[in-house]
PDB file of N, CA and C in Angstrom:
ATOM      1  N   MET A   1       4.615 -11.460  -4.788  1.00  0.00           N
ATOM      2  CA  MET A   1       4.116 -12.304  -3.679  1.00  0.00           C
ATOM      3  C   MET A   1       2.637 -12.558  -4.078  1.00  0.00           C
ATOM      4  N   ASP A   2       2.247 -13.800  -4.278  1.00  0.00           N
ATOM      5  CA  ASP A   2       0.826 -13.989  -4.615  1.00  0.00           C
ATOM      6  C   ASP A   2       0.036 -14.314  -3.355  1.00  0.00           C
ATOM      7  N   ALA A   3      -1.252 -14.309  -3.585  1.00  0.00           N
ATOM      8  CA  ALA A   3      -2.178 -14.516  -2.478  1.00  0.00           C
ATOM      9  C   ALA A   3      -2.078 -15.799  -1.809  1.00  0.00           C
ATOM     10  N   SER A   4      -1.799 -16.869  -2.575  1.00  0.00           N
ATOM     11  CA  SER A   4      -1.674 -18.146  -1.860  1.00  0.00           C
ATOM     12  C   SER A   4      -0.501 -18.158  -0.821  1.00  0.00           C
ATOM     13  N   SER A   5       0.585 -17.464  -1.081  1.00  0.00           N
ATOM     14  CA  SER A   5       1.727 -17.551  -0.127  1.00  0.00           C
ATOM     15  C   SER A   5       1.426 -16.637   1.171  1.00  0.00           C
ATOM     16  N   LEU A   6       0.323 -15.819   1.078  1.00  0.00           N
ATOM     17  CA  LEU A   6      -0.025 -15.043   2.186  1.00  0.00           C
ATOM     18  C   LEU A   6      -1.264 -15.748   3.019  1.00  0.00           C
ATOM     19  N   ALA A   7      -1.652 -16.785   2.541  1.00  0.00           N
ATOM     20  CA  ALA A   7      -2.848 -17.439   3.167  1.00  0.00           C
ATOM     21  C   ALA A   7      -2.524 -17.754   4.603  1.00  0.00           C
ATOM     22  N   GLY A   8      -3.388 -17.258   5.530  1.00  0.00           N
ATOM     23  CA  GLY A   8      -3.223 -17.437   6.889  1.00  0.00           C
ATOM     24  C   GLY A   8      -2.127 -16.537   7.624  1.00  0.00           C
ATOM     25  N   PHE A   9      -1.731 -15.533   6.806  1.00  0.00           N
ATOM     26  CA  PHE A   9      -0.725 -14.544   7.265  1.00  0.00           C
ATOM     27  C   PHE A   9      -1.185 -13.850   8.545  1.00  0.00           C
ATOM     28  N   ASN A  10      -2.398 -13.373   8.424  1.00  0.00           N
ATOM     29  CA  ASN A  10      -2.997 -12.584   9.554  1.00  0.00           C
ATOM     30  C   ASN A  10      -3.177 -13.474  10.739  1.00  0.00           C
ATOM     31  N   VAL A  11      -3.463 -14.711  10.619  1.00  0.00           N
ATOM     32  CA  VAL A  11      -3.591 -15.595  11.782  1.00  0.00           C
ATOM     33  C   VAL A  11      -2.287 -15.767  12.520  1.00  0.00           C
ATOM     34  N   LYS A  12      -1.225 -15.969  11.736  1.00  0.00           N
ATOM     35  CA  LYS A  12       0.133 -16.117  12.142  1.00  0.00           C
ATOM     36  C   LYS A  12       0.580 -14.943  12.985  1.00  0.00           C
ATOM     37  N   LEU A  13       0.278 -13.745  12.287  1.00  0.00           N
ATOM     38  CA  LEU A  13       0.643 -12.521  13.055  1.00  0.00           C
ATOM     39  C   LEU A  13      -0.045 -12.413  14.466  1.00  0.00           C
ATOM     40  N   ARG A  14      -1.200 -12.639  14.470  1.00  0.00           N
ATOM     41  CA  ARG A  14      -1.928 -12.589  15.867  1.00  0.00           C
ATOM     42  C   ARG A  14      -1.409 -13.695  16.792  1.00  0.00           C
ATOM     43  N   CYS A  15      -1.227 -14.864  16.397  1.00  0.00           N
ATOM     44  CA  CYS A  15      -0.800 -15.975  17.262  1.00  0.00           C
ATOM     45  C   CYS A  15       0.671 -15.611  17.836  1.00  0.00           C
ATOM     46  N   LEU A  16       1.505 -15.233  16.827  1.00  0.00           N
ATOM     47  CA  LEU A  16       2.930 -15.037  17.264  1.00  0.00           C
ATOM     48  C   LEU A  16       2.923 -13.700  18.284  1.00  0.00           C
ATOM     49  N   ARG A  17       2.158 -12.736  17.958  1.00  0.00           N
ATOM     50  CA  ARG A  17       2.108 -11.516  18.875  1.00  0.00           C
ATOM     51  C   ARG A  17       1.528 -11.970  20.242  1.00  0.00           C
ATOM     52  N   ASP A  18       0.446 -12.755  20.229  1.00  0.00           N
ATOM     53  CA  ASP A  18      -0.115 -13.083  21.499  1.00  0.00           C
ATOM     54  C   ASP A  18       0.770 -14.004  22.250  1.00  0.00           C
ATOM     55  N   TYR A  19       1.467 -14.942  21.634  1.00  0.00           N
ATOM     56  CA  TYR A  19       2.297 -15.855  22.244  1.00  0.00           C
ATOM     57  C   TYR A  19       3.455 -15.041  22.997  1.00  0.00           C
ATOM     58  N   CYS A  20       4.000 -14.121  22.200  1.00  0.00           N
ATOM     59  CA  CYS A  20       5.299 -13.328  22.812  1.00  0.00           C
ATOM     60  C   CYS A  20       4.909 -12.260  23.724  1.00  0.00           C
ATOM     61  N   GLY A  21       3.520 -11.970  23.852  1.00  0.00           N
ATOM     62  CA  GLY A  21       3.074 -10.930  24.737  1.00  0.00           C
ATOM     63  C   GLY A  21       3.174  -9.582  24.361  1.00  0.00           C
ATOM     64  N   PHE A  22       3.095  -9.328  23.017  1.00  0.00           N
ATOM     65  CA  PHE A  22       3.130  -7.970  22.470  1.00  0.00           C
ATOM     66  C   PHE A  22       1.886  -7.484  22.126  1.00  0.00           C
ATOM     67  N   ASN A  23       1.651  -6.228  22.032  1.00  0.00           N
ATOM     68  CA  ASN A  23       0.484  -5.584  21.464  1.00  0.00           C
ATOM     69  C   ASN A  23       0.717  -5.062  20.004  1.00  0.00           C
ATOM     70  N   GLN A  24      -0.256  -4.633  19.445  1.00  0.00           N
ATOM     71  CA  GLN A  24      -0.052  -4.146  18.039  1.00  0.00           C
ATOM     72  C   GLN A  24       0.898  -2.921  17.924  1.00  0.00           C
ATOM     73  N   SER A  25       0.879  -2.045  18.953  1.00  0.00           N
ATOM     74  CA  SER A  25       1.730  -0.983  18.985  1.00  0.00           C
ATOM     75  C   SER A  25       3.191  -1.327  18.957  1.00  0.00           C
ATOM     76  N   ASP A  26       3.528  -2.424  19.717  1.00  0.00           N
ATOM     77  CA  ASP A  26       4.868  -2.836  19.730  1.00  0.00           C
ATOM     78  C   ASP A  26       5.501  -3.152  18.393  1.00  0.00           C
ATOM     79  N   LEU A  27       4.552  -3.984  17.584  1.00  0.00           N
ATOM     80  CA  LEU A  27       4.991  -4.338  16.273  1.00  0.00           C
ATOM     81  C   LEU A  27       5.063  -3.208  15.351  1.00  0.00           C
ATOM     82  N   ALA A  28       4.069  -2.329  15.440  1.00  0.00           N
ATOM     83  CA  ALA A  28       4.010  -1.166  14.576  1.00  0.00           C
ATOM     84  C   ALA A  28       5.240  -0.279  14.843  1.00  0.00           C
ATOM     85  N   GLU A  29       5.627  -0.093  16.068  1.00  0.00           N
ATOM     86  CA  GLU A  29       6.787   0.789  16.356  1.00  0.00           C
ATOM     87  C   GLU A  29       8.088   0.196  15.722  1.00  0.00           C
ATOM     88  N   HIS A  30       8.196  -1.202  15.804  1.00  0.00           N
ATOM     89  CA  HIS A  30       9.392  -1.860  15.266  1.00  0.00           C
ATOM     90  C   HIS A  30       9.410  -1.635  13.717  1.00  0.00           C
ATOM     91  N   MET A  31       8.164  -1.664  13.080  1.00  0.00           N
ATOM     92  CA  MET A  31       8.134  -1.534  11.638  1.00  0.00           C
ATOM     93  C   MET A  31       7.996  -0.070  11.171  1.00  0.00           C
ATOM     94  N   ASN A  32       8.005   0.880  12.160  1.00  0.00           N
ATOM     95  CA  ASN A  32       7.921   2.270  11.832  1.00  0.00           C
ATOM     96  C   ASN A  32       6.662   2.664  11.044  1.00  0.00           C
ATOM     97  N   ILE A  33       5.532   1.999  11.481  1.00  0.00           N
ATOM     98  CA  ILE A  33       4.175   2.333  10.990  1.00  0.00           C
ATOM     99  C   ILE A  33       3.378   2.666  12.187  1.00  0.00           C
ATOM    100  N   THR A  34       2.058   3.122  11.789  1.00  0.00           N
ATOM    101  CA  THR A  34       1.083   3.374  12.887  1.00  0.00           C
ATOM    102  C   THR A  34       0.446   2.117  13.275  1.00  0.00           C
ATOM    103  N   GLN A  35      -0.131   2.117  14.504  1.00  0.00           N
ATOM    104  CA  GLN A  35      -0.886   0.971  14.923  1.00  0.00           C
ATOM    105  C   GLN A  35      -2.054   0.633  14.070  1.00  0.00           C
ATOM    106  N   PRO A  36      -2.834   1.577  13.642  1.00  0.00           N
ATOM    107  CA  PRO A  36      -3.909   1.263  12.791  1.00  0.00           C
ATOM    108  C   PRO A  36      -3.382   0.574  11.356  1.00  0.00           C
ATOM    109  N   ALA A  37      -2.253   0.956  10.979  1.00  0.00           N
ATOM    110  CA  ALA A  37      -1.704   0.344   9.660  1.00  0.00           C
ATOM    111  C   ALA A  37      -1.376  -1.167   9.947  1.00  0.00           C
ATOM    112  N   TYR A  38      -0.693  -1.434  11.147  1.00  0.00           N
ATOM    113  CA  TYR A  38      -0.423  -2.788  11.575  1.00  0.00           C
ATOM    114  C   TYR A  38      -1.762  -3.556  11.767  1.00  0.00           C
ATOM    115  N   GLN A  39      -2.740  -2.910  12.297  1.00  0.00           N
ATOM    116  CA  GLN A  39      -4.017  -3.599  12.583  1.00  0.00           C
ATOM    117  C   GLN A  39      -4.664  -4.077  11.307  1.00  0.00           C
ATOM    118  N   LYS A  40      -4.520  -3.252  10.243  1.00  0.00           N
ATOM    119  CA  LYS A  40      -5.086  -3.535   8.932  1.00  0.00           C
ATOM    120  C   LYS A  40      -4.364  -4.890   8.355  1.00  0.00           C
ATOM    121  N   MET A  41      -3.124  -5.133   8.620  1.00  0.00           N
ATOM    122  CA  MET A  41      -2.430  -6.247   8.171  1.00  0.00           C
ATOM    123  C   MET A  41      -3.017  -7.505   9.039  1.00  0.00           C
ATOM    124  N   GLU A  42      -3.170  -7.295  10.300  1.00  0.00           N
ATOM    125  CA  GLU A  42      -3.608  -8.302  11.183  1.00  0.00           C
ATOM    126  C   GLU A  42      -5.082  -8.794  10.893  1.00  0.00           C
ATOM    127  N   CYS A  43      -5.815  -7.770  10.556  1.00  0.00           N
ATOM    128  CA  CYS A  43      -7.155  -8.091  10.188  1.00  0.00           C
ATOM    129  C   CYS A  43      -7.462  -8.479   8.762  1.00  0.00           C
ATOM    130  N   ASN A  44      -6.352  -8.475   8.083  1.00  0.00           N
ATOM    131  CA  ASN A  44      -6.317  -8.977   6.543  1.00  0.00           C
ATOM    132  C   ASN A  44      -7.135  -7.985   5.692  1.00  0.00           C
ATOM    133  N   THR A  45      -7.112  -6.757   6.066  1.00  0.00           N
ATOM    134  CA  THR A  45      -7.786  -5.807   5.214  1.00  0.00           C
ATOM    135  C   THR A  45      -6.782  -4.933   4.350  1.00  0.00           C
ATOM    136  N   SER A  46      -5.431  -5.115   4.634  1.00  0.00           N
ATOM    137  CA  SER A  46      -4.401  -4.581   3.863  1.00  0.00           C
ATOM    138  C   SER A  46      -3.254  -5.600   3.718  1.00  0.00           C
ATOM    139  N   PRO A  47      -3.052  -6.186   2.611  1.00  0.00           N
ATOM    140  CA  PRO A  47      -1.980  -7.125   2.459  1.00  0.00           C
ATOM    141  C   PRO A  47      -0.651  -6.489   2.705  1.00  0.00           C
ATOM    142  N   PRO A  48       0.399  -7.106   3.388  1.00  0.00           N
ATOM    143  CA  PRO A  48       1.652  -6.465   3.537  1.00  0.00           C
ATOM    144  C   PRO A  48       2.530  -6.558   2.352  1.00  0.00           C
ATOM    145  N   ARG A  49       3.415  -5.641   2.218  1.00  0.00           N
ATOM    146  CA  ARG A  49       4.453  -5.608   1.209  1.00  0.00           C
ATOM    147  C   ARG A  49       5.550  -6.507   1.663  1.00  0.00           C
ATOM    148  N   LEU A  50       6.410  -6.859   0.754  1.00  0.00           N
ATOM    149  CA  LEU A  50       7.638  -7.657   1.018  1.00  0.00           C
ATOM    150  C   LEU A  50       8.459  -7.151   2.164  1.00  0.00           C
ATOM    151  N   LYS A  51       8.716  -5.887   2.125  1.00  0.00           N
ATOM    152  CA  LYS A  51       9.559  -5.096   3.131  1.00  0.00           C
ATOM    153  C   LYS A  51       8.918  -5.352   4.625  1.00  0.00           C
ATOM    154  N   ARG A  52       7.566  -5.321   4.620  1.00  0.00           N
ATOM    155  CA  ARG A  52       6.889  -5.544   5.949  1.00  0.00           C
ATOM    156  C   ARG A  52       6.963  -7.009   6.413  1.00  0.00           C
ATOM    157  N   LEU A  53       6.936  -7.884   5.494  1.00  0.00           N
ATOM    158  CA  LEU A  53       7.123  -9.293   5.840  1.00  0.00           C
ATOM    159  C   LEU A  53       8.499  -9.559   6.357  1.00  0.00           C
ATOM    160  N   GLN A  54       9.449  -8.944   5.698  1.00  0.00           N
ATOM    161  CA  GLN A  54      10.735  -9.177   6.117  1.00  0.00           C
ATOM    162  C   GLN A  54      11.034  -8.528   7.463  1.00  0.00           C
ATOM    163  N   GLN A  55      10.361  -7.419   7.835  1.00  0.00           N
ATOM    164  CA  GLN A  55      10.503  -6.791   9.092  1.00  0.00           C
ATOM    165  C   GLN A  55       9.929  -7.661  10.239  1.00  0.00           C
ATOM    166  N   ILE A  56       8.717  -8.278   9.921  1.00  0.00           N
ATOM    167  CA  ILE A  56       8.121  -9.074  10.923  1.00  0.00           C
ATOM    168  C   ILE A  56       8.901 -10.376  11.182  1.00  0.00           C
ATOM    169  N   ALA A  57       9.478 -10.966  10.179  1.00  0.00           N
ATOM    170  CA  ALA A  57      10.266 -12.257  10.363  1.00  0.00           C
ATOM    171  C   ALA A  57      11.410 -11.831  11.085  1.00  0.00           C
ATOM    172  N   GLU A  58      12.099 -10.706  10.840  1.00  0.00           N
ATOM    173  CA  GLU A  58      13.217 -10.322  11.525  1.00  0.00           C
ATOM    174  C   GLU A  58      12.923 -10.098  13.112  1.00  0.00           C
ATOM    175  N   PHE A  59      11.837  -9.381  13.250  1.00  0.00           N
ATOM    176  CA  PHE A  59      11.435  -9.169  14.666  1.00  0.00           C
ATOM    177  C   PHE A  59      11.294 -10.458  15.546  1.00  0.00           C
ATOM    178  N   TYR A  60      10.735 -11.492  14.932  1.00  0.00           N
ATOM    179  CA  TYR A  60      10.660 -12.794  15.543  1.00  0.00           C
ATOM    180  C   TYR A  60      11.870 -13.570  15.466  1.00  0.00           C
ATOM    181  N   GLY A  61      12.915 -13.240  14.738  1.00  0.00           N
ATOM    182  CA  GLY A  61      14.119 -14.046  14.669  1.00  0.00           C
ATOM    183  C   GLY A  61      13.927 -15.329  13.805  1.00  0.00           C
ATOM    184  N   ILE A  62      13.042 -15.175  12.836  1.00  0.00           N
ATOM    185  CA  ILE A  62      12.802 -16.355  11.975  1.00  0.00           C
ATOM    186  C   ILE A  62      13.001 -15.907  10.488  1.00  0.00           C
ATOM    187  N   SER A  63      13.263 -16.920   9.622  1.00  0.00           N
ATOM    188  CA  SER A  63      13.388 -16.603   8.212  1.00  0.00           C
ATOM    189  C   SER A  63      12.103 -16.207   7.552  1.00  0.00           C
ATOM    190  N   LEU A  64      12.141 -15.495   6.471  1.00  0.00           N
ATOM    191  CA  LEU A  64      10.936 -15.165   5.753  1.00  0.00           C
ATOM    192  C   LEU A  64      10.266 -16.407   5.248  1.00  0.00           C
ATOM    193  N   THR A  65      11.131 -17.263   4.642  1.00  0.00           N
ATOM    194  CA  THR A  65      10.657 -18.559   4.091  1.00  0.00           C
ATOM    195  C   THR A  65       9.826 -19.355   5.162  1.00  0.00           C
ATOM    196  N   ASP A  66      10.418 -19.445   6.378  1.00  0.00           N
ATOM    197  CA  ASP A  66       9.745 -20.225   7.475  1.00  0.00           C
ATOM    198  C   ASP A  66       8.417 -19.455   7.856  1.00  0.00           C
ATOM    199  N   PHE A  67       8.447 -18.169   7.955  1.00  0.00           N
ATOM    200  CA  PHE A  67       7.228 -17.403   8.247  1.00  0.00           C
ATOM    201  C   PHE A  67       6.094 -17.730   7.294  1.00  0.00           C
ATOM    202  N   LEU A  68       6.466 -17.649   5.968  1.00  0.00           N
ATOM    203  CA  LEU A  68       5.426 -17.905   4.936  1.00  0.00           C
ATOM    204  C   LEU A  68       5.089 -19.294   4.812  1.00  0.00           C
ATOM    205  N   SER A  69       5.882 -20.353   5.148  1.00  0.00           N
ATOM    206  CA  SER A  69       5.609 -21.731   4.884  1.00  0.00           C
ATOM    207  C   SER A  69       5.071 -22.531   6.013  1.00  0.00           C
ATOM    208  N   LYS A  70       5.533 -22.051   7.225  1.00  0.00           N
ATOM    209  CA  LYS A  70       5.091 -22.905   8.393  1.00  0.00           C
ATOM    210  C   LYS A  70       3.827 -22.337   9.065  1.00  0.00           C
ATOM    211  N   SER A  71       3.209 -23.199   9.768  1.00  0.00           N
ATOM    212  CA  SER A  71       2.028 -22.849  10.605  1.00  0.00           C
ATOM    213  C   SER A  71       2.474 -21.953  11.803  1.00  0.00           C
ATOM    214  N   ALA A  72       1.411 -21.276  12.351  1.00  0.00           N
ATOM    215  CA  ALA A  72       1.739 -20.531  13.614  1.00  0.00           C
ATOM    216  C   ALA A  72       2.157 -21.414  14.723  1.00  0.00           C
ATOM    217  N   GLU A  73       1.741 -22.683  14.812  1.00  0.00           N
ATOM    218  CA  GLU A  73       2.116 -23.549  15.846  1.00  0.00           C
ATOM    219  C   GLU A  73       3.549 -23.918  15.662  1.00  0.00           C
ATOM    220  N   GLU A  74       3.971 -24.256  14.440  1.00  0.00           N
ATOM    221  CA  GLU A  74       5.343 -24.546  14.119  1.00  0.00           C
ATOM    222  C   GLU A  74       6.298 -23.464  14.410  1.00  0.00           C
ATOM    223  N   LEU A  75       5.858 -22.304  14.085  1.00  0.00           N
ATOM    224  CA  LEU A  75       6.646 -21.120  14.315  1.00  0.00           C
ATOM    225  C   LEU A  75       6.914 -20.800  15.853  1.00  0.00           C
ATOM    226  N   ILE A  76       5.838 -21.099  16.548  1.00  0.00           N
ATOM    227  CA  ILE A  76       6.037 -20.892  18.028  1.00  0.00           C
ATOM    228  C   ILE A  76       6.972 -21.974  18.688  1.00  0.00           C
ATOM    229  N   ARG A  77       6.774 -23.229  18.090  1.00  0.00           N
ATOM    230  CA  ARG A  77       7.773 -24.286  18.586  1.00  0.00           C
ATOM    231  C   ARG A  77       9.213 -23.879  18.295  1.00  0.00           C
ATOM    232  N   GLN A  78       9.398 -23.332  17.036  1.00  0.00           N
ATOM    233  CA  GLN A  78      10.685 -22.913  16.593  1.00  0.00           C
ATOM    234  C   GLN A  78      11.209 -21.835  17.533  1.00  0.00           C
ATOM    235  N   ILE A  79      10.392 -20.875  17.813  1.00  0.00           N
ATOM    236  CA  ILE A  79      10.822 -19.786  18.854  1.00  0.00           C
ATOM    237  C   ILE A  79      11.133 -20.264  20.139  1.00  0.00           C
ATOM    238  N   LYS A  80      10.298 -21.219  20.675  1.00  0.00           N
ATOM    239  CA  LYS A  80      10.515 -21.836  21.999  1.00  0.00           C
ATOM    240  C   LYS A  80      11.908 -22.516  21.971  1.00  0.00           C
ATOM    241  N   ARG A  81      12.136 -23.466  20.985  1.00  0.00           N
ATOM    242  CA  ARG A  81      13.331 -24.305  20.829  1.00  0.00           C
ATOM    243  C   ARG A  81      14.498 -23.481  20.713  1.00  0.00           C
ATOM    244  N   ARG A  82      14.567 -22.399  19.909  1.00  0.00           N
ATOM    245  CA  ARG A  82      15.743 -21.693  19.792  1.00  0.00           C
ATOM    246  C   ARG A  82      15.909 -20.546  20.771  1.00  0.00           C
ATOM    247  N   LYS A  83      14.877 -20.410  21.590  1.00  0.00           N
ATOM    248  CA  LYS A  83      14.972 -19.316  22.561  1.00  0.00           C
ATOM    249  C   LYS A  83      15.360 -17.958  21.866  1.00  0.00           C
ATOM    250  N   VAL A  84      14.590 -17.708  20.850  1.00  0.00           N
ATOM    251  CA  VAL A  84      14.950 -16.543  20.052  1.00  0.00           C
ATOM    252  C   VAL A  84      14.745 -15.180  20.845  1.00  0.00           C
ATOM    253  N   HIS A  85      15.801 -14.382  20.630  1.00  0.00           N
ATOM    254  CA  HIS A  85      15.769 -13.136  21.420  1.00  0.00           C
ATOM    255  C   HIS A  85      14.680 -12.138  20.724  1.00  0.00           C
ATOM    256  N   ILE A  86      13.684 -11.808  21.451  1.00  0.00           N
ATOM    257  CA  ILE A  86      12.573 -10.904  20.892  1.00  0.00           C
ATOM    258  C   ILE A  86      13.050  -9.540  21.299  1.00  0.00           C
ATOM    259  N   PRO A  87      13.158  -8.594  20.392  1.00  0.00           N
ATOM    260  CA  PRO A  87      13.771  -7.260  20.669  1.00  0.00           C
ATOM    261  C   PRO A  87      13.044  -6.338  21.752  1.00  0.00           C
ATOM    262  N   VAL A  88      11.726  -6.554  22.029  1.00  0.00           N
ATOM    263  CA  VAL A  88      11.038  -5.744  22.977  1.00  0.00           C
ATOM    264  C   VAL A  88      10.656  -6.662  24.061  1.00  0.00           C
ATOM    265  N   GLY A  89      10.882  -6.344  25.324  1.00  0.00           N
ATOM    266  CA  GLY A  89      11.008  -7.344  26.399  1.00  0.00           C
ATOM    267  C   GLY A  89       9.945  -7.947  27.042  1.00  0.00           C
ATOM    268  N   ARG A  90       8.805  -8.449  26.459  1.00  0.00           N
ATOM    269  CA  ARG A  90       7.803  -9.119  27.308  1.00  0.00           C
ATOM    270  C   ARG A  90       7.599 -10.530  26.884  1.00  0.00           C
ATOM    271  N   SER A  91       8.600 -11.216  26.288  1.00  0.00           N
ATOM    272  CA  SER A  91       8.419 -12.571  25.785  1.00  0.00           C
ATOM    273  C   SER A  91       8.226 -13.583  27.065  1.00  0.00           C
ATOM    274  N   LYS A  92       7.541 -14.592  26.649  1.00  0.00           N
ATOM    275  CA  LYS A  92       7.202 -15.653  27.791  1.00  0.00           C
ATOM    276  C   LYS A  92       8.347 -16.609  27.986  1.00  0.00           C
TER     277      LYS A  92
END
């Protein structure tokens, strides 16, 4: 995974999390990591590994390809349109 495919990754993480009403601990729990480890990904201080990217895409019910290639706005529209089931229950 090269740096160009991760461009804007942290912004997408934050936008999706905010839109769906989750906190960092919710995502960290799903990924079986600590909240500070998740925070490092969201703050772009620790690039995620492929396994983590797959877990995030799975959490939001989107493909990894879409997650990497679409903007946060496009992903939110996709989630709205498909009424994707989010595993932890505070979605809007």
